[in-house]
Amino acid sequence: MIPYAEYESPRGSLGITSGAVVEVPTFPVWIRWERTGRLYGNPGEGIAVVTENLEVTDLEMVPDELSEIAELRELIES
């Protein structure tokens, strides 16, 4: 894993995005994400599912619980 930061302005006052580059052996990849600060009505957390052909499905405002994730996986893969 290689962490990085992306600054939205030269001084960083408009926001900083933190991320990581990760190499995985299989797909789909499930990524839990969260936003902080002023959200302007956007969700503050969720899960992104990345498939082998790099399509991303955002599952917004999903509780980070194993039973919920298992149910979502079944829905997406069916």
Protein backbone atom coordinates (compact mmCIF):
# COMPACT_ATOMS: atom_id res chain seq x y z
CA MET A 1 0.00 0.00 0.00
CA ILE A 2 1.31 3.43 -0.95
CA PRO A 3 -0.50 6.33 0.81
CA TYR A 4 -0.72 9.77 -0.83
CA ALA A 5 -2.34 13.18 -0.32
CA GLU A 6 -3.85 15.38 -3.02
CA TYR A 7 -4.21 19.09 -2.24
CA GLU A 8 -7.11 20.93 -3.90
CA SER A 9 -5.34 24.31 -3.69
CA PRO A 10 -1.70 25.39 -3.34
CA ARG A 11 -2.19 26.10 0.38
CA GLY A 12 -4.49 23.14 1.02
CA SER A 13 -7.23 25.41 2.34
CA LEU A 14 -9.86 24.04 -0.06
CA GLY A 15 -9.46 20.45 0.96
CA ILE A 16 -7.08 17.55 1.13
CA THR A 17 -7.84 14.14 -0.32
CA SER A 18 -6.09 11.17 1.26
CA GLY A 19 -5.84 7.93 -0.62
CA ALA A 20 -3.73 4.86 -1.19
CA VAL A 21 -2.57 2.80 -4.15
CA VAL A 22 -3.23 -0.87 -3.47
CA GLU A 23 -2.45 -3.93 -5.58
CA VAL A 24 -4.99 -6.74 -5.24
CA PRO A 25 -4.98 -10.27 -6.69
CA THR A 26 -8.75 -10.62 -7.23
CA PHE A 27 -11.87 -8.60 -7.93
CA PRO A 28 -14.27 -7.17 -6.86
CA VAL A 29 -12.54 -4.82 -4.46
CA TRP A 30 -14.61 -3.31 -1.63
CA ILE A 31 -13.39 0.08 -0.38
CA ARG A 32 -14.83 1.82 2.67
CA TRP A 33 -14.64 5.61 2.29
CA GLU A 34 -15.56 8.68 4.32
CA ARG A 35 -15.67 12.43 3.86
CA THR A 36 -15.28 15.09 6.51
CA GLY A 37 -15.73 18.84 6.57
CA ARG A 38 -18.49 20.62 4.67
CA LEU A 39 -20.40 17.98 2.75
CA TYR A 40 -22.91 20.25 0.94
CA GLY A 41 -25.57 17.53 1.19
CA ASN A 42 -23.28 14.72 0.00
CA PRO A 43 -23.04 11.54 2.08
CA GLY A 44 -20.31 11.34 4.70
CA GLU A 45 -19.49 7.65 4.29
CA GLY A 46 -20.06 4.65 2.11
CA ILE A 47 -18.56 1.70 0.30
CA ALA A 48 -17.26 1.64 -3.27
CA VAL A 49 -17.18 -1.64 -5.18
CA VAL A 50 -14.64 -1.82 -8.03
CA THR A 51 -15.11 -4.60 -10.58
CA GLU A 52 -12.53 -6.22 -12.86
CA ASN A 53 -13.36 -3.85 -15.73
CA LEU A 54 -12.85 -0.90 -13.31
CA GLU A 55 -16.53 0.01 -13.01
CA VAL A 56 -17.19 1.66 -9.65
CA THR A 57 -20.48 1.30 -7.77
CA ASP A 58 -20.88 3.65 -4.81
CA LEU A 59 -23.01 2.42 -1.94
CA GLU A 60 -23.58 5.59 0.06
CA MET A 61 -24.43 5.76 3.76
CA VAL A 62 -23.98 2.02 4.27
CA PRO A 63 -23.28 0.87 7.83
CA ASP A 64 -19.88 -0.76 8.12
CA GLU A 65 -21.09 -4.07 9.55
CA LEU A 66 -20.13 -7.51 8.29
CA SER A 67 -23.71 -8.77 7.96
CA GLU A 68 -24.72 -5.71 5.93
CA ILE A 69 -21.69 -6.06 3.63
CA ALA A 70 -22.41 -9.77 3.05
CA GLU A 71 -25.98 -8.95 2.02
CA LEU A 72 -24.80 -6.19 -0.33
CA ARG A 73 -22.22 -8.51 -1.90
CA GLU A 74 -24.98 -11.04 -2.66
CA LEU A 75 -27.12 -8.33 -4.28
CA ILE A 76 -24.30 -7.00 -6.48
CA GLU A 77 -22.99 -10.38 -7.58
CA SER A 78 -26.43 -11.74 -8.51
